[in-house]
Structure formats: structure tokens, C-alpha cells
C-alpha atoms as a PDB file:
ATOM      1  CA  MET A   1      14.001  71.088 164.223  1.00  0.00           C
ATOM      2  CA  SER A   2      11.229  70.115 166.636  1.00  0.00           C
ATOM      3  CA  VAL A   3      12.045  67.461 169.273  1.00  0.00           C
ATOM      4  CA  ILE A   4       9.223  65.391 170.856  1.00  0.00           C
ATOM      5  CA  VAL A   5       9.709  63.151 173.785  1.00  0.00           C
ATOM      6  CA  VAL A   6       7.026  60.472 174.291  1.00  0.00           C
ATOM      7  CA  ASP A   7       6.375  58.653 177.470  1.00  0.00           C
ATOM      8  CA  THR A   8       4.928  55.164 177.900  1.00  0.00           C
ATOM      9  CA  ASN A   9       1.239  56.293 177.900  1.00  0.00           C
ATOM     10  CA  ALA A  10       1.690  58.342 174.902  1.00  0.00           C
ATOM     11  CA  VAL A  11       2.911  55.280 172.894  1.00  0.00           C
ATOM     12  CA  ILE A  12       0.039  53.211 174.352  1.00  0.00           C
ATOM     13  CA  MET A  13      -2.665  55.702 173.649  1.00  0.00           C
ATOM     14  CA  HIS A  14      -1.970  55.779 170.037  1.00  0.00           C
ATOM     15  CA  GLY A  15      -2.128  52.002 169.782  1.00  0.00           C
ATOM     16  CA  ARG A  16      -1.735  50.526 166.286  1.00  0.00           C
ATOM     17  CA  ALA A  17      -1.614  54.039 164.738  1.00  0.00           C
ATOM     18  CA  PHE A  18       1.614  54.976 166.704  1.00  0.00           C
ATOM     19  CA  SER A  19       3.876  53.742 163.961  1.00  0.00           C
ATOM     20  CA  ASP A  20       2.137  55.592 161.166  1.00  0.00           C
ATOM     21  CA  ARG A  21       2.002  58.686 163.152  1.00  0.00           C
ATOM     22  CA  VAL A  22       5.677  58.618 164.209  1.00  0.00           C
ATOM     23  CA  ARG A  23       6.781  58.073 160.529  1.00  0.00           C
ATOM     24  CA  ALA A  24       4.556  60.922 159.422  1.00  0.00           C
ATOM     25  CA  ALA A  25       6.027  63.238 162.113  1.00  0.00           C
ATOM     26  CA  VAL A  26       9.568  62.331 161.128  1.00  0.00           C
ATOM     27  CA  GLU A  27       8.822  62.950 157.590  1.00  0.00           C
ATOM     28  CA  THR A  28       7.725  66.506 158.400  1.00  0.00           C
ATOM     29  CA  GLY A  29      11.103  67.194 160.123  1.00  0.00           C
ATOM     30  CA  ARG A  30      10.397  66.192 163.706  1.00  0.00           C
ATOM     31  CA  THR A  31      12.687  64.159 165.862  1.00  0.00           C
ATOM     32  CA  ILE A  32      10.857  61.654 168.038  1.00  0.00           C
ATOM     33  CA  VAL A  33      12.634  60.641 171.303  1.00  0.00           C
ATOM     34  CA  VAL A  34      11.738  57.680 173.302  1.00  0.00           C
ATOM     35  CA  PRO A  35      13.557  57.603 176.652  1.00  0.00           C
ATOM     36  CA  GLN A  36      15.644  54.620 177.223  1.00  0.00           C
ATOM     37  CA  SER A  37      13.601  53.765 180.378  1.00  0.00           C
ATOM     38  CA  VAL A  38      10.322  53.899 178.273  1.00  0.00           C
ATOM     39  CA  LYS A  39      11.985  51.568 175.592  1.00  0.00           C
ATOM     40  CA  ARG A  40      13.102  49.226 178.355  1.00  0.00           C
ATOM     41  CA  GLU A  41       9.514  49.027 179.716  1.00  0.00           C
ATOM     42  CA  LEU A  42       7.603  48.665 176.395  1.00  0.00           C
ATOM     43  CA  VAL A  43      10.164  46.786 174.355  1.00  0.00           C
ATOM     44  CA  ASP A  44      12.943  45.113 176.193  1.00  0.00           C
ATOM     45  CA  ASN A  45      10.965  43.735 179.142  1.00  0.00           C
ATOM     46  CA  VAL A  46       8.198  42.473 176.970  1.00  0.00           C
ATOM     47  CA  LEU A  47      10.570  40.651 174.512  1.00  0.00           C
ATOM     48  CA  GLU A  48      12.514  39.094 177.482  1.00  0.00           C
ATOM     49  CA  ASN A  49       9.232  37.858 179.096  1.00  0.00           C
ATOM     50  CA  GLU A  50       8.374  34.452 177.499  1.00  0.00           C
ATOM     51  CA  ARG A  51       4.864  34.687 178.908  1.00  0.00           C
ATOM     52  CA  ALA A  52       4.020  38.169 177.315  1.00  0.00           C
ATOM     53  CA  PRO A  53       0.831  38.154 175.505  1.00  0.00           C
ATOM     54  CA  SER A  54       1.372  37.945 171.590  1.00  0.00           C
ATOM     55  CA  ASN A  55      -0.170  41.388 170.927  1.00  0.00           C
ATOM     56  CA  HIS A  56       2.296  42.920 173.459  1.00  0.00           C
ATOM     57  CA  ARG A  57       5.080  41.205 171.721  1.00  0.00           C
ATOM     58  CA  GLU A  58       3.921  42.417 168.328  1.00  0.00           C
ATOM     59  CA  SER A  59       3.745  45.961 169.650  1.00  0.00           C
ATOM     60  CA  ALA A  60       7.244  45.702 171.126  1.00  0.00           C
ATOM     61  CA  LEU A  61       8.657  44.440 167.883  1.00  0.00           C
ATOM     62  CA  GLU A  62       6.947  47.346 166.044  1.00  0.00           C
ATOM     63  CA  ILE A  63       8.504  49.809 168.288  1.00  0.00           C
ATOM     64  CA  GLN A  64      11.915  48.143 167.953  1.00  0.00           C
ATOM     65  CA  ARG A  65      11.498  48.381 164.146  1.00  0.00           C
ATOM     66  CA  LEU A  66      10.909  52.123 164.456  1.00  0.00           C
ATOM     67  CA  VAL A  67      14.090  52.427 166.520  1.00  0.00           C
ATOM     68  CA  ASP A  68      16.122  50.152 164.066  1.00  0.00           C
ATOM     69  CA  ASP A  69      14.750  52.220 161.092  1.00  0.00           C
ATOM     70  CA  GLY A  70      15.786  55.480 162.720  1.00  0.00           C
ATOM     71  CA  TYR A  71      12.249  56.913 163.283  1.00  0.00           C
ATOM     72  CA  LEU A  72      12.436  56.690 166.991  1.00  0.00           C
ATOM     73  CA  VAL A  73      15.682  58.008 168.747  1.00  0.00           C
ATOM     74  CA  VAL A  74      16.470  56.373 172.060  1.00  0.00           C
ATOM     75  CA  ARG A  75      18.063  58.766 174.701  1.00  0.00           C
ATOM     76  CA  SER A  76      18.873  58.605 178.344  1.00  0.00           C
ATOM     77  CA  PRO A  77      19.472  61.635 180.538  1.00  0.00           C
ATOM     78  CA  ASP A  78      23.070  62.501 181.575  1.00  0.00           C
ATOM     79  CA  PHE A  79      23.137  60.754 184.876  1.00  0.00           C
ATOM     80  CA  ALA A  80      26.195  62.485 186.188  1.00  0.00           C
ATOM     81  CA  THR A  81      24.649  65.940 185.821  1.00  0.00           C
ATOM     82  CA  SER A  82      20.962  64.997 186.464  1.00  0.00           C
ATOM     83  CA  SER A  83      21.017  62.794 189.680  1.00  0.00           C
ATOM     84  CA  ARG A  84      19.332  65.584 191.776  1.00  0.00           C
ATOM     85  CA  VAL A  85      16.511  65.954 189.104  1.00  0.00           C
ATOM     86  CA  ILE A  86      16.076  62.219 188.969  1.00  0.00           C
ATOM     87  CA  ASP A  87      15.934  61.839 192.703  1.00  0.00           C
ATOM     88  CA  GLU A  88      13.425  64.693 192.974  1.00  0.00           C
ATOM     89  CA  ALA A  89      11.211  63.193 190.256  1.00  0.00           C
ATOM     90  CA  ARG A  90      11.361  59.733 191.869  1.00  0.00           C
ATOM     91  CA  ARG A  91      10.526  61.081 195.221  1.00  0.00           C
ATOM     92  CA  ARG A  92       7.616  63.271 194.010  1.00  0.00           C
ATOM     93  CA  ILE A  93       6.182  60.585 191.865  1.00  0.00           C
ATOM     94  CA  SER A  94       6.303  58.011 194.688  1.00  0.00           C
ATOM     95  CA  ASP A  95       5.046  60.536 197.224  1.00  0.00           C
ATOM     96  CA  GLU A  96       2.030  61.036 195.102  1.00  0.00           C
ATOM     97  CA  SER A  97       1.389  57.397 194.126  1.00  0.00           C
ATOM     98  CA  LEU A  98      -0.358  54.554 195.630  1.00  0.00           C
ATOM     99  CA  PRO A  99       2.053  52.245 197.476  1.00  0.00           C
ATOM    100  CA  GLU A 100       1.522  49.348 195.111  1.00  0.00           C
ATOM    101  CA  HIS A 101       2.451  51.465 192.100  1.00  0.00           C
ATOM    102  CA  GLU A 102       6.129  51.094 191.295  1.00  0.00           C
ATOM    103  CA  VAL A 103       7.958  54.171 189.937  1.00  0.00           C
ATOM    104  CA  LYS A 104       9.324  53.122 186.492  1.00  0.00           C
ATOM    105  CA  ALA A 105      10.212  55.108 183.478  1.00  0.00           C
ATOM    106  CA  ASP A 106       8.759  58.390 184.497  1.00  0.00           C
ATOM    107  CA  GLN A 107      11.420  59.239 186.954  1.00  0.00           C
ATOM    108  CA  TYR A 108      14.016  59.908 184.233  1.00  0.00           C
ATOM    109  CA  ILE A 109      11.877  61.954 181.980  1.00  0.00           C
ATOM    110  CA  PRO A 110      12.164  65.373 183.672  1.00  0.00           C
ATOM    111  CA  ALA A 111      15.966  64.965 183.605  1.00  0.00           C
ATOM    112  CA  LEU A 112      16.050  64.052 179.892  1.00  0.00           C
ATOM    113  CA  ILE A 113      13.738  67.074 179.163  1.00  0.00           C
ATOM    114  CA  CYS A 114      16.152  69.437 180.938  1.00  0.00           C
ATOM    115  CA  ASN A 115      19.086  67.863 179.110  1.00  0.00           C
ATOM    116  CA  LEU A 116      17.462  68.290 175.674  1.00  0.00           C
ATOM    117  CA  ALA A 117      15.910  71.722 176.325  1.00  0.00           C
ATOM    118  CA  ARG A 118      19.480  73.245 176.796  1.00  0.00           C
ATOM    119  CA  ASP A 119      20.054  72.870 173.059  1.00  0.00           C
ATOM    120  CA  ARG A 120      16.619  73.166 171.475  1.00  0.00           C
ATOM    121  CA  PRO A 121      12.834  73.419 172.111  1.00  0.00           C
ATOM    122  CA  VAL A 122      11.326  70.204 173.387  1.00  0.00           C
ATOM    123  CA  THR A 123       7.842  68.977 173.662  1.00  0.00           C
ATOM    124  CA  LEU A 124       6.956  66.321 176.287  1.00  0.00           C
ATOM    125  CA  VAL A 125       4.017  64.296 175.178  1.00  0.00           C
ATOM    126  CA  THR A 126       2.182  62.541 178.117  1.00  0.00           C
ATOM    127  CA  ALA A 127      -1.265  62.122 179.297  1.00  0.00           C
ATOM    128  CA  ASP A 128       0.153  61.883 182.906  1.00  0.00           C
ATOM    129  CA  ARG A 129      -0.768  65.175 184.642  1.00  0.00           C
ATOM    130  CA  LYS A 130       1.333  64.469 187.555  1.00  0.00           C
ATOM    131  CA  LEU A 131       4.484  63.985 185.252  1.00  0.00           C
ATOM    132  CA  ARG A 132       3.597  67.115 183.407  1.00  0.00           C
ATOM    133  CA  ARG A 133       3.304  69.160 186.757  1.00  0.00           C
ATOM    134  CA  ILE A 134       6.664  67.750 188.034  1.00  0.00           C
ATOM    135  CA  THR A 135       8.415  68.324 184.757  1.00  0.00           C
ATOM    136  CA  ARG A 136       6.962  71.910 184.575  1.00  0.00           C
ATOM    137  CA  ASP A 137       8.236  72.681 188.153  1.00  0.00           C
ATOM    138  CA  ILE A 138      11.603  71.241 187.406  1.00  0.00           C
ATOM    139  CA  VAL A 139      12.170  72.973 184.095  1.00  0.00           C
ATOM    140  CA  GLU A 140      10.917  76.248 185.461  1.00  0.00           C
ATOM    141  CA  ARG A 141      13.270  76.084 188.321  1.00  0.00           C
ATOM    142  CA  ASN A 142      16.155  75.251 185.978  1.00  0.00           C
ATOM    143  CA  GLY A 143      15.190  78.297 183.710  1.00  0.00           C
ATOM    144  CA  LEU A 144      14.119  76.164 180.773  1.00  0.00           C
ATOM    145  CA  ILE A 145      10.436  76.620 180.850  1.00  0.00           C
ATOM    146  CA  ASP A 146      10.578  78.823 177.625  1.00  0.00           C
ATOM    147  CA  HIS A 147      12.159  75.809 175.799  1.00  0.00           C
ATOM    148  CA  VAL A 148       9.587  73.200 176.954  1.00  0.00           C
ATOM    149  CA  GLU A 149       6.061  72.545 175.893  1.00  0.00           C
ATOM    150  CA  LEU A 150       3.867  69.929 177.676  1.00  0.00           C
ATOM    151  CA  ARG A 151       1.272  68.272 175.513  1.00  0.00           C
ATOM    152  CA  ASP A 152      -1.453  65.589 175.626  1.00  0.00           C
ATOM    153  CA  PRO A 153      -0.649  62.629 173.334  1.00  0.00           C
ATOM    154  CA  LEU A 154      -3.617  62.988 171.114  1.00  0.00           C
ATOM    155  CA  THR A 155      -2.789  66.632 170.273  1.00  0.00           C
ATOM    156  CA  VAL A 156       0.678  66.061 169.000  1.00  0.00           C
ATOM    157  CA  LEU A 157       1.120  62.966 166.854  1.00  0.00           C
END
């Protein structure tokens, strides 16, 4: 079974087609994982914000429906065993970012990829080259590079 992890920009890049593409991928036997941190950013924070634009709320509700219907699986890294990976990712992302950019969901993705790749092949879908580079370095160092594929969003779903 193929496991695909999507980050924030992968969801956003697909726009309205995201739901249909996720459903089609799941129906062909793939498991689509959305990190808990990404769900928090795209769904929970939007729905909690009374001032969120209506189109953002609609998108958040659609993603929540995909989770509720079992099309998207929400996962978090094992924080007890992944703290060093999370710290490294956070540091490298913030070192390479502009000061006004807050490190959000991306810091947890390399750790989640490492956790999942121990049991099965995993594809990380992200347009973020920096995140791909950081993830590649970390999975390589952890001996998991043969189990991880890094792809651009428009080439997978």
C-alpha cells in the first residue's frame, strides 16, 4: 500500500480539485496522510477564527469532511522518539527563512516521514524545495532514503 504525506502547500495548490483527487487516490489503494500540524493550520485554526473568509471556511470544512469520511488520515510524529529530528527541522527551517516567517507545520513533517518510512514506503508531496532538502538529509542520515520519495504536488495527486 502506498502512503502519501501532503503538506500545506500541496493541499492549497490543488485548490477545489483536492477533494476529488484525494478520493480517486484512495480508491486506487493509496493512503493519504495529512500531518496533524497541517490539519491544525488549514482546518482547526480557520474554523476557530470567526473572521476567516468564507472561502477559507468552506475549504476547511471540505478537508474536515475528507478526514471524517476516512479519505484523509491524520497523523503526528512520535514526539518521544523524534524530538531531535523536530528540533533540527525547526532550526534549519528558521535559519533559512526570513525573520517575519513563523515556522509552522513543516517542522514536524520530517519526523513523521521518518516514523512512517520505518514500516513502509512513503511519498512526501510538497512544493517546498527547502522542506524536501531538509527531509532528504534527515531520512538519508537515518538510513531511510530507500523508503522515501519526495515529489512535487502536481505530479502525484
